[in-house]
């Protein structure tokens, strides 16, 4: 059976291999020490639900990719190009969107697709701008990953032999 661990570990492995990610965390985002400067850029995974179908399992996983927005001392009005602002927010948004795009591309047609992971729908990313101790920006997306449910051997009347 393609298991919970197969899904989350494959996503973790992809994100850890991405040069634009420094840390990958899992679970409740409020349990992550977002004050630590060294964990950013951060990718965070949360499993939202699992749907059981006849021959498949569909995992809905939220992927959050954020980084610290660094301010400069420049005045926006005195810049040669004020459109870009006095911080690196657009750079952060561009970089973290590329992380999510790479992950969904791997699921659609790359290494994770070859593991029998299937995306049946288009995916959208939502802008994230949070003010914790750090000024964070990035993207969040929910991915529904369908995998084969091959646990037919677990079907019996009394649960005997099931893990």
N, C-alpha and C. Protein backbone atom coordinates (compact mmCIF):
# COMPACT_ATOMS: atom_id res chain seq x y z
N UNK A 1 0.84 -1.19 0.00
CA UNK A 1 0.00 0.00 0.00
C UNK A 1 0.88 1.24 0.00
N UNK A 2 0.52 2.21 -0.81
CA UNK A 2 1.17 3.51 -0.75
C UNK A 2 0.63 4.17 0.51
N UNK A 3 1.52 4.50 1.40
CA UNK A 3 1.07 4.94 2.71
C UNK A 3 1.24 6.43 2.94
N UNK A 4 0.73 6.83 4.06
CA UNK A 4 0.89 8.18 4.55
C UNK A 4 2.36 8.60 4.49
N UNK A 5 3.25 7.72 4.97
CA UNK A 5 4.67 8.03 4.96
C UNK A 5 5.22 8.21 3.55
N UNK A 6 4.75 7.40 2.61
CA UNK A 6 5.22 7.53 1.22
C UNK A 6 4.92 8.94 0.68
N UNK A 7 3.71 9.42 0.96
CA UNK A 7 3.30 10.73 0.46
C UNK A 7 4.10 11.85 1.12
N UNK A 8 4.09 11.89 2.46
CA UNK A 8 4.75 13.02 3.13
C UNK A 8 6.27 12.98 2.99
N UNK A 9 6.85 11.78 3.01
CA UNK A 9 8.31 11.70 2.87
C UNK A 9 8.76 12.06 1.46
N UNK A 10 7.97 11.71 0.45
CA UNK A 10 8.32 12.10 -0.93
C UNK A 10 8.28 13.60 -1.09
N UNK A 11 7.27 14.24 -0.51
CA UNK A 11 7.18 15.70 -0.59
C UNK A 11 8.32 16.35 0.19
N UNK A 12 8.61 15.82 1.37
CA UNK A 12 9.71 16.34 2.19
C UNK A 12 11.04 16.22 1.44
N UNK A 13 11.28 15.07 0.82
CA UNK A 13 12.53 14.85 0.09
C UNK A 13 12.67 15.85 -1.06
N UNK A 14 11.59 16.06 -1.81
CA UNK A 14 11.64 17.03 -2.90
C UNK A 14 11.98 18.41 -2.35
N UNK A 15 11.26 18.84 -1.32
CA UNK A 15 11.46 20.19 -0.78
C UNK A 15 12.85 20.37 -0.18
N UNK A 16 13.36 19.36 0.51
CA UNK A 16 14.71 19.45 1.08
C UNK A 16 15.78 19.54 0.00
N UNK A 17 15.51 18.97 -1.16
CA UNK A 17 16.46 19.02 -2.26
C UNK A 17 16.44 20.32 -3.03
N UNK A 18 15.44 21.15 -2.78
CA UNK A 18 15.32 22.41 -3.50
C UNK A 18 16.24 23.45 -2.85
N UNK A 19 17.08 24.10 -3.65
CA UNK A 19 18.03 25.08 -3.14
C UNK A 19 17.39 26.32 -2.52
N UNK A 20 16.10 26.53 -2.78
CA UNK A 20 15.41 27.70 -2.24
C UNK A 20 14.65 27.38 -0.95
N UNK A 21 14.92 26.22 -0.37
CA UNK A 21 14.29 25.80 0.89
C UNK A 21 15.39 25.50 1.89
N UNK A 22 15.28 26.08 3.09
CA UNK A 22 16.25 25.82 4.14
C UNK A 22 15.75 24.78 5.14
N UNK A 23 14.44 24.79 5.44
CA UNK A 23 13.85 23.87 6.41
C UNK A 23 12.51 23.38 5.92
N UNK A 24 12.20 22.12 6.27
CA UNK A 24 10.89 21.54 6.00
C UNK A 24 10.33 21.07 7.33
N UNK A 25 9.11 21.52 7.65
CA UNK A 25 8.48 21.14 8.90
C UNK A 25 7.12 20.52 8.60
N UNK A 26 6.52 19.92 9.64
CA UNK A 26 5.26 19.20 9.47
C UNK A 26 4.37 19.42 10.70
N UNK A 27 3.07 19.47 10.47
CA UNK A 27 2.12 19.55 11.58
C UNK A 27 1.48 20.92 11.68
N UNK A 28 1.22 21.33 12.91
CA UNK A 28 0.59 22.62 13.19
C UNK A 28 1.65 23.72 13.07
N UNK A 29 1.41 24.68 12.20
CA UNK A 29 2.39 25.76 11.98
C UNK A 29 2.64 26.54 13.27
N UNK A 30 1.68 26.57 14.17
CA UNK A 30 1.86 27.30 15.43
C UNK A 30 2.85 26.60 16.36
N UNK A 31 3.17 25.33 16.08
CA UNK A 31 4.17 24.61 16.86
C UNK A 31 5.59 24.84 16.36
N UNK A 32 5.73 25.54 15.24
CA UNK A 32 7.05 25.82 14.65
C UNK A 32 7.56 27.14 15.23
N UNK A 33 8.83 27.17 15.64
CA UNK A 33 9.43 28.39 16.19
C UNK A 33 9.77 29.33 15.04
N UNK A 34 8.81 30.17 14.69
CA UNK A 34 8.98 31.09 13.55
C UNK A 34 9.88 32.27 13.88
N UNK A 35 10.34 32.37 15.12
CA UNK A 35 11.26 33.44 15.50
C UNK A 35 12.70 33.11 15.10
N UNK A 36 12.97 31.84 14.83
CA UNK A 36 14.33 31.43 14.46
C UNK A 36 14.63 31.89 13.03
N UNK A 37 15.57 32.76 12.89
CA UNK A 37 15.94 33.29 11.58
C UNK A 37 16.55 32.21 10.68
N UNK A 38 17.15 31.18 11.29
CA UNK A 38 17.90 30.19 10.51
C UNK A 38 17.03 29.16 9.81
N UNK A 39 15.72 29.13 10.09
CA UNK A 39 14.88 28.12 9.45
C UNK A 39 14.34 28.56 8.09
N UNK A 40 14.52 29.82 7.75
CA UNK A 40 13.94 30.36 6.51
C UNK A 40 14.93 30.32 5.37
N UNK A 41 14.43 30.15 4.15
CA UNK A 41 13.09 29.92 3.68
C UNK A 41 12.55 28.58 4.20
N UNK A 42 11.26 28.58 4.54
CA UNK A 42 10.61 27.45 5.20
C UNK A 42 9.50 26.89 4.32
N UNK A 43 9.47 25.56 4.22
CA UNK A 43 8.33 24.87 3.63
C UNK A 43 7.69 24.04 4.73
N UNK A 44 6.37 24.11 4.83
CA UNK A 44 5.65 23.44 5.91
C UNK A 44 4.52 22.61 5.34
N UNK A 45 4.40 21.35 5.79
CA UNK A 45 3.37 20.43 5.31
C UNK A 45 2.35 20.16 6.39
N UNK A 46 1.08 20.17 6.00
CA UNK A 46 -0.01 19.79 6.90
C UNK A 46 -0.97 18.91 6.11
N UNK A 47 -1.25 17.71 6.59
CA UNK A 47 -2.23 16.85 5.94
C UNK A 47 -3.61 17.28 6.43
N UNK A 48 -4.47 17.64 5.49
CA UNK A 48 -5.82 18.13 5.83
C UNK A 48 -6.82 16.99 5.97
N UNK A 49 -6.78 16.04 5.01
CA UNK A 49 -7.69 14.89 5.09
C UNK A 49 -7.25 13.80 4.12
N UNK A 50 -7.91 12.65 4.24
CA UNK A 50 -7.71 11.53 3.33
C UNK A 50 -9.09 11.03 2.91
N UNK A 51 -9.28 10.85 1.61
CA UNK A 51 -10.54 10.33 1.08
C UNK A 51 -10.28 8.92 0.59
N UNK A 52 -11.13 7.99 1.04
CA UNK A 52 -11.02 6.59 0.65
C UNK A 52 -11.98 6.33 -0.51
N UNK A 53 -11.46 5.89 -1.64
CA UNK A 53 -12.29 5.49 -2.78
C UNK A 53 -12.10 3.98 -2.98
N UNK A 54 -12.77 3.44 -3.98
CA UNK A 54 -12.73 1.99 -4.20
C UNK A 54 -11.31 1.43 -4.28
N UNK A 55 -10.48 2.08 -5.11
CA UNK A 55 -9.13 1.56 -5.31
C UNK A 55 -8.03 2.59 -5.06
N UNK A 56 -8.41 3.74 -4.51
CA UNK A 56 -7.43 4.80 -4.30
C UNK A 56 -7.63 5.48 -2.94
N UNK A 57 -6.59 6.16 -2.52
CA UNK A 57 -6.64 7.08 -1.39
C UNK A 57 -6.26 8.45 -1.95
N UNK A 58 -6.96 9.49 -1.52
CA UNK A 58 -6.61 10.85 -1.93
C UNK A 58 -6.24 11.66 -0.70
N UNK A 59 -4.99 12.06 -0.63
CA UNK A 59 -4.47 12.87 0.46
C UNK A 59 -4.55 14.33 0.07
N UNK A 60 -5.16 15.15 0.90
CA UNK A 60 -5.11 16.59 0.68
C UNK A 60 -4.07 17.15 1.63
N UNK A 61 -3.02 17.72 1.04
CA UNK A 61 -1.89 18.24 1.81
C UNK A 61 -1.76 19.73 1.53
N UNK A 62 -1.66 20.51 2.60
CA UNK A 62 -1.38 21.94 2.44
C UNK A 62 0.13 22.13 2.49
N UNK A 63 0.64 22.86 1.52
CA UNK A 63 2.07 23.18 1.47
C UNK A 63 2.20 24.69 1.59
N UNK A 64 2.92 25.12 2.59
CA UNK A 64 3.18 26.54 2.85
C UNK A 64 4.65 26.79 2.59
N UNK A 65 4.96 27.76 1.74
CA UNK A 65 6.35 28.13 1.45
C UNK A 65 6.50 29.62 1.72
N UNK A 66 7.30 29.96 2.73
CA UNK A 66 7.46 31.36 3.13
C UNK A 66 8.92 31.68 3.41
N UNK A 67 9.21 32.99 3.38
CA UNK A 67 10.54 33.49 3.73
C UNK A 67 10.37 34.85 4.40
N UNK A 68 11.42 35.30 5.02
CA UNK A 68 11.42 36.59 5.70
C UNK A 68 11.56 37.71 4.68
N UNK A 69 10.72 38.72 4.81
CA UNK A 69 10.84 39.92 3.99
C UNK A 69 11.78 40.86 4.72
N UNK A 70 12.85 41.23 4.06
CA UNK A 70 13.85 42.10 4.67
C UNK A 70 13.66 43.52 4.18
N UNK A 71 13.50 44.42 5.10
CA UNK A 71 13.32 45.85 4.79
C UNK A 71 14.69 46.52 4.63
N UNK A 72 14.71 47.56 3.82
CA UNK A 72 15.90 48.40 3.72
C UNK A 72 15.56 49.75 4.32
N UNK A 73 16.54 50.59 4.44
CA UNK A 73 16.32 51.93 4.98
C UNK A 73 15.93 52.94 3.91
N UNK A 74 15.79 52.48 2.68
CA UNK A 74 15.45 53.37 1.57
C UNK A 74 14.02 53.87 1.68
N UNK A 75 13.83 55.07 1.26
CA UNK A 75 12.50 55.64 1.17
C UNK A 75 11.94 55.27 -0.20
N UNK A 76 10.73 54.72 -0.24
CA UNK A 76 10.12 54.30 -1.51
C UNK A 76 10.10 55.42 -2.54
N UNK A 77 9.84 56.63 -2.11
CA UNK A 77 9.70 57.76 -3.04
C UNK A 77 11.04 58.21 -3.62
N UNK A 78 12.12 57.86 -2.98
CA UNK A 78 13.44 58.27 -3.46
C UNK A 78 14.11 57.21 -4.32
N UNK A 79 13.47 56.08 -4.51
CA UNK A 79 14.06 55.01 -5.31
C UNK A 79 13.94 55.30 -6.79
N UNK A 80 14.88 54.77 -7.56
CA UNK A 80 14.79 54.90 -9.01
C UNK A 80 13.58 54.14 -9.54
N UNK A 81 13.25 53.01 -8.93
CA UNK A 81 12.12 52.18 -9.35
C UNK A 81 11.26 51.86 -8.14
N UNK A 82 10.37 52.78 -7.73
CA UNK A 82 9.57 52.59 -6.51
C UNK A 82 8.59 51.41 -6.58
N UNK A 83 8.29 50.93 -7.76
CA UNK A 83 7.38 49.79 -7.92
C UNK A 83 7.83 48.59 -7.10
N UNK A 84 9.14 48.40 -6.99
CA UNK A 84 9.68 47.23 -6.30
C UNK A 84 9.74 47.41 -4.78
N UNK A 85 9.47 48.59 -4.29
CA UNK A 85 9.43 48.82 -2.85
C UNK A 85 10.80 48.85 -2.20
N UNK A 86 10.78 48.97 -0.88
CA UNK A 86 12.03 49.06 -0.13
C UNK A 86 12.30 47.77 0.64
N UNK A 87 11.87 46.66 0.05
CA UNK A 87 12.13 45.36 0.67
C UNK A 87 12.30 44.33 -0.45
N UNK A 88 12.47 43.09 -0.05
CA UNK A 88 12.67 42.02 -1.03
C UNK A 88 11.42 41.16 -1.21
N UNK A 89 10.26 41.72 -0.94
CA UNK A 89 9.01 40.93 -0.98
C UNK A 89 8.78 40.28 -2.34
N UNK A 90 8.99 41.01 -3.42
CA UNK A 90 8.75 40.43 -4.74
C UNK A 90 9.73 39.29 -5.03
N UNK A 91 10.96 39.43 -4.56
CA UNK A 91 11.93 38.34 -4.71
C UNK A 91 11.47 37.10 -3.93
N UNK A 92 11.00 37.32 -2.70
CA UNK A 92 10.50 36.21 -1.87
C UNK A 92 9.32 35.53 -2.57
N UNK A 93 8.38 36.32 -3.05
CA UNK A 93 7.20 35.75 -3.71
C UNK A 93 7.58 34.97 -4.96
N UNK A 94 8.49 35.50 -5.74
CA UNK A 94 8.94 34.81 -6.95
C UNK A 94 9.63 33.49 -6.61
N UNK A 95 10.53 33.52 -5.66
CA UNK A 95 11.29 32.32 -5.29
C UNK A 95 10.39 31.24 -4.71
N UNK A 96 9.51 31.62 -3.79
CA UNK A 96 8.66 30.61 -3.14
C UNK A 96 7.59 30.07 -4.09
N UNK A 97 7.14 30.88 -5.05
CA UNK A 97 6.23 30.37 -6.07
C UNK A 97 6.94 29.33 -6.94
N UNK A 98 8.21 29.56 -7.22
CA UNK A 98 8.98 28.58 -8.00
C UNK A 98 9.13 27.27 -7.24
N UNK A 99 9.25 27.33 -5.91
CA UNK A 99 9.32 26.10 -5.11
C UNK A 99 8.03 25.30 -5.28
N UNK A 100 6.89 25.97 -5.11
CA UNK A 100 5.60 25.28 -5.26
C UNK A 100 5.40 24.77 -6.68
N UNK A 101 5.80 25.55 -7.67
CA UNK A 101 5.65 25.12 -9.05
C UNK A 101 6.48 23.86 -9.33
N UNK A 102 7.68 23.82 -8.79
CA UNK A 102 8.51 22.63 -8.96
C UNK A 102 7.90 21.40 -8.31
N UNK A 103 7.35 21.59 -7.12
CA UNK A 103 6.72 20.47 -6.41
C UNK A 103 5.52 19.94 -7.19
N UNK A 104 4.64 20.82 -7.63
CA UNK A 104 3.46 20.34 -8.36
C UNK A 104 3.86 19.75 -9.72
N UNK A 105 4.92 20.27 -10.32
CA UNK A 105 5.39 19.71 -11.59
C UNK A 105 5.95 18.30 -11.39
N UNK A 106 6.67 18.08 -10.29
CA UNK A 106 7.19 16.75 -10.00
C UNK A 106 6.05 15.77 -9.78
N UNK A 107 4.99 16.24 -9.14
CA UNK A 107 3.82 15.37 -8.92
C UNK A 107 3.08 15.08 -10.23
N UNK A 108 3.04 16.04 -11.13
CA UNK A 108 2.30 15.86 -12.39
C UNK A 108 3.03 15.00 -13.41
N UNK A 109 4.35 15.22 -13.51
CA UNK A 109 5.06 14.56 -14.61
C UNK A 109 6.50 14.21 -14.29
N UNK A 110 6.89 14.37 -13.05
CA UNK A 110 8.29 14.12 -12.69
C UNK A 110 8.45 12.88 -11.83
N UNK A 111 9.42 12.95 -10.95
CA UNK A 111 9.78 11.81 -10.11
C UNK A 111 8.66 11.30 -9.23
N UNK A 112 7.83 12.18 -8.69
CA UNK A 112 6.75 11.72 -7.83
C UNK A 112 5.60 11.12 -8.64
N UNK A 113 5.41 11.57 -9.86
CA UNK A 113 4.41 10.97 -10.74
C UNK A 113 4.77 9.52 -11.03
N UNK A 114 6.06 9.26 -11.16
CA UNK A 114 6.52 7.91 -11.44
C UNK A 114 6.33 6.97 -10.25
N UNK A 115 6.02 7.52 -9.07
CA UNK A 115 5.72 6.70 -7.89
C UNK A 115 4.23 6.41 -7.79
N UNK A 116 3.48 6.62 -8.85
CA UNK A 116 2.03 6.43 -8.89
C UNK A 116 1.28 7.49 -8.10
N UNK A 117 1.84 8.68 -7.97
CA UNK A 117 1.12 9.79 -7.38
C UNK A 117 0.42 10.53 -8.52
N UNK A 118 -0.87 10.81 -8.36
CA UNK A 118 -1.63 11.44 -9.43
C UNK A 118 -2.33 12.69 -8.90
N UNK A 119 -2.23 13.77 -9.66
CA UNK A 119 -3.00 14.98 -9.38
C UNK A 119 -4.14 15.01 -10.39
N UNK A 120 -5.36 15.08 -9.89
CA UNK A 120 -6.53 15.06 -10.78
C UNK A 120 -7.12 16.42 -11.05
N UNK A 121 -6.51 17.45 -10.55
CA UNK A 121 -7.12 18.77 -10.66
C UNK A 121 -6.06 19.84 -10.83
N UNK A 122 -6.51 21.00 -11.29
CA UNK A 122 -5.63 22.15 -11.31
C UNK A 122 -5.45 22.64 -9.87
N UNK A 123 -4.32 23.23 -9.62
CA UNK A 123 -3.97 23.67 -8.27
C UNK A 123 -3.80 25.18 -8.29
N UNK A 124 -4.25 25.83 -7.23
CA UNK A 124 -4.00 27.27 -7.13
C UNK A 124 -3.20 27.54 -5.87
N UNK A 125 -2.40 28.57 -5.93
CA UNK A 125 -1.60 29.00 -4.78
C UNK A 125 -2.18 30.32 -4.27
N UNK A 126 -2.27 30.44 -2.96
CA UNK A 126 -2.79 31.65 -2.34
C UNK A 126 -1.64 32.43 -1.72
N UNK A 127 -1.68 33.75 -1.90
CA UNK A 127 -0.68 34.63 -1.32
C UNK A 127 -0.76 34.58 0.20
N UNK A 128 0.40 34.53 0.84
CA UNK A 128 0.48 34.52 2.30
C UNK A 128 1.34 35.71 2.72
N UNK A 129 0.80 36.52 3.59
CA UNK A 129 1.55 37.62 4.18
C UNK A 129 1.22 37.64 5.67
N UNK A 130 2.15 37.19 6.48
CA UNK A 130 1.91 37.07 7.91
C UNK A 130 2.92 37.90 8.68
N UNK A 131 2.45 38.52 9.71
CA UNK A 131 3.35 39.23 10.62
C UNK A 131 3.40 38.49 11.94
N UNK A 132 4.44 37.72 12.11
CA UNK A 132 4.74 37.10 13.38
C UNK A 132 5.84 37.97 13.96
N UNK A 133 6.82 37.38 14.58
CA UNK A 133 7.99 38.15 14.99
C UNK A 133 8.76 38.60 13.75
N UNK A 134 8.66 37.78 12.71
CA UNK A 134 9.27 38.09 11.42
C UNK A 134 8.17 38.49 10.45
N UNK A 135 8.51 39.32 9.49
CA UNK A 135 7.56 39.68 8.43
C UNK A 135 7.71 38.63 7.34
N UNK A 136 6.73 37.72 7.21
CA UNK A 136 6.83 36.61 6.28
C UNK A 136 5.91 36.81 5.09
N UNK A 137 6.37 36.37 3.93
CA UNK A 137 5.55 36.33 2.73
C UNK A 137 5.84 35.04 1.99
N UNK A 138 4.90 34.65 1.17
CA UNK A 138 5.06 33.45 0.37
C UNK A 138 3.73 32.98 -0.17
N UNK A 139 3.60 31.66 -0.27
CA UNK A 139 2.43 31.07 -0.91
C UNK A 139 1.99 29.83 -0.14
N UNK A 140 0.70 29.53 -0.27
CA UNK A 140 0.12 28.32 0.31
C UNK A 140 -0.72 27.65 -0.76
N UNK A 141 -0.63 26.32 -0.84
CA UNK A 141 -1.50 25.61 -1.79
C UNK A 141 -1.91 24.28 -1.20
N UNK A 142 -3.13 23.88 -1.52
CA UNK A 142 -3.63 22.56 -1.17
C UNK A 142 -3.47 21.66 -2.38
N UNK A 143 -2.88 20.50 -2.16
CA UNK A 143 -2.67 19.53 -3.23
C UNK A 143 -3.43 18.27 -2.87
N UNK A 144 -4.21 17.75 -3.81
CA UNK A 144 -4.88 16.47 -3.61
C UNK A 144 -4.11 15.42 -4.40
N UNK A 145 -3.49 14.51 -3.67
CA UNK A 145 -2.64 13.48 -4.28
C UNK A 145 -3.36 12.14 -4.18
N UNK A 146 -3.64 11.57 -5.33
CA UNK A 146 -4.30 10.27 -5.39
C UNK A 146 -3.25 9.18 -5.55
N UNK A 147 -3.37 8.15 -4.71
CA UNK A 147 -2.44 7.03 -4.76
C UNK A 147 -3.24 5.73 -4.76
N UNK A 148 -2.65 4.64 -5.29
CA UNK A 148 -3.37 3.36 -5.28
C UNK A 148 -3.58 2.86 -3.85
N UNK A 149 -4.75 2.30 -3.60
CA UNK A 149 -5.03 1.65 -2.32
C UNK A 149 -4.95 0.15 -2.58
N UNK A 150 -3.83 -0.42 -2.23
CA UNK A 150 -3.59 -1.83 -2.52
C UNK A 150 -3.70 -2.69 -1.26
N UNK A 151 -4.40 -2.21 -0.25
CA UNK A 151 -4.52 -2.94 1.02
C UNK A 151 -5.69 -3.92 1.00
N UNK A 152 -5.89 -4.57 -0.09
CA UNK A 152 -6.99 -5.52 -0.20
C UNK A 152 -6.78 -6.68 0.77
N UNK A 153 -5.55 -7.01 1.10
CA UNK A 153 -5.28 -8.12 2.01
C UNK A 153 -5.80 -7.82 3.42
N UNK A 154 -6.10 -6.56 3.73
CA UNK A 154 -6.60 -6.20 5.05
C UNK A 154 -8.10 -6.38 5.19
N UNK A 155 -8.75 -6.86 4.13
CA UNK A 155 -10.21 -7.02 4.17
C UNK A 155 -10.53 -8.41 4.75
N UNK A 156 -11.11 -8.40 5.93
CA UNK A 156 -11.59 -9.63 6.55
C UNK A 156 -12.67 -9.27 7.57
N UNK A 157 -13.30 -10.24 8.13
CA UNK A 157 -14.44 -9.99 9.00
C UNK A 157 -14.06 -9.47 10.39
N UNK A 158 -12.92 -9.89 10.90
CA UNK A 158 -12.63 -9.56 12.28
C UNK A 158 -11.37 -8.70 12.48
N UNK A 159 -10.75 -8.25 11.41
CA UNK A 159 -9.56 -7.41 11.53
C UNK A 159 -8.28 -8.17 11.81
N UNK A 160 -8.38 -9.49 11.93
CA UNK A 160 -7.22 -10.33 12.21
C UNK A 160 -6.19 -10.20 11.10
N UNK A 161 -4.96 -10.05 11.46
CA UNK A 161 -3.89 -9.97 10.49
C UNK A 161 -3.65 -8.56 9.95
N UNK A 162 -4.50 -7.60 10.34
CA UNK A 162 -4.32 -6.22 9.87
C UNK A 162 -3.32 -5.50 10.77
N UNK A 163 -2.57 -4.63 10.19
CA UNK A 163 -1.61 -3.83 10.98
C UNK A 163 -2.29 -2.63 11.55
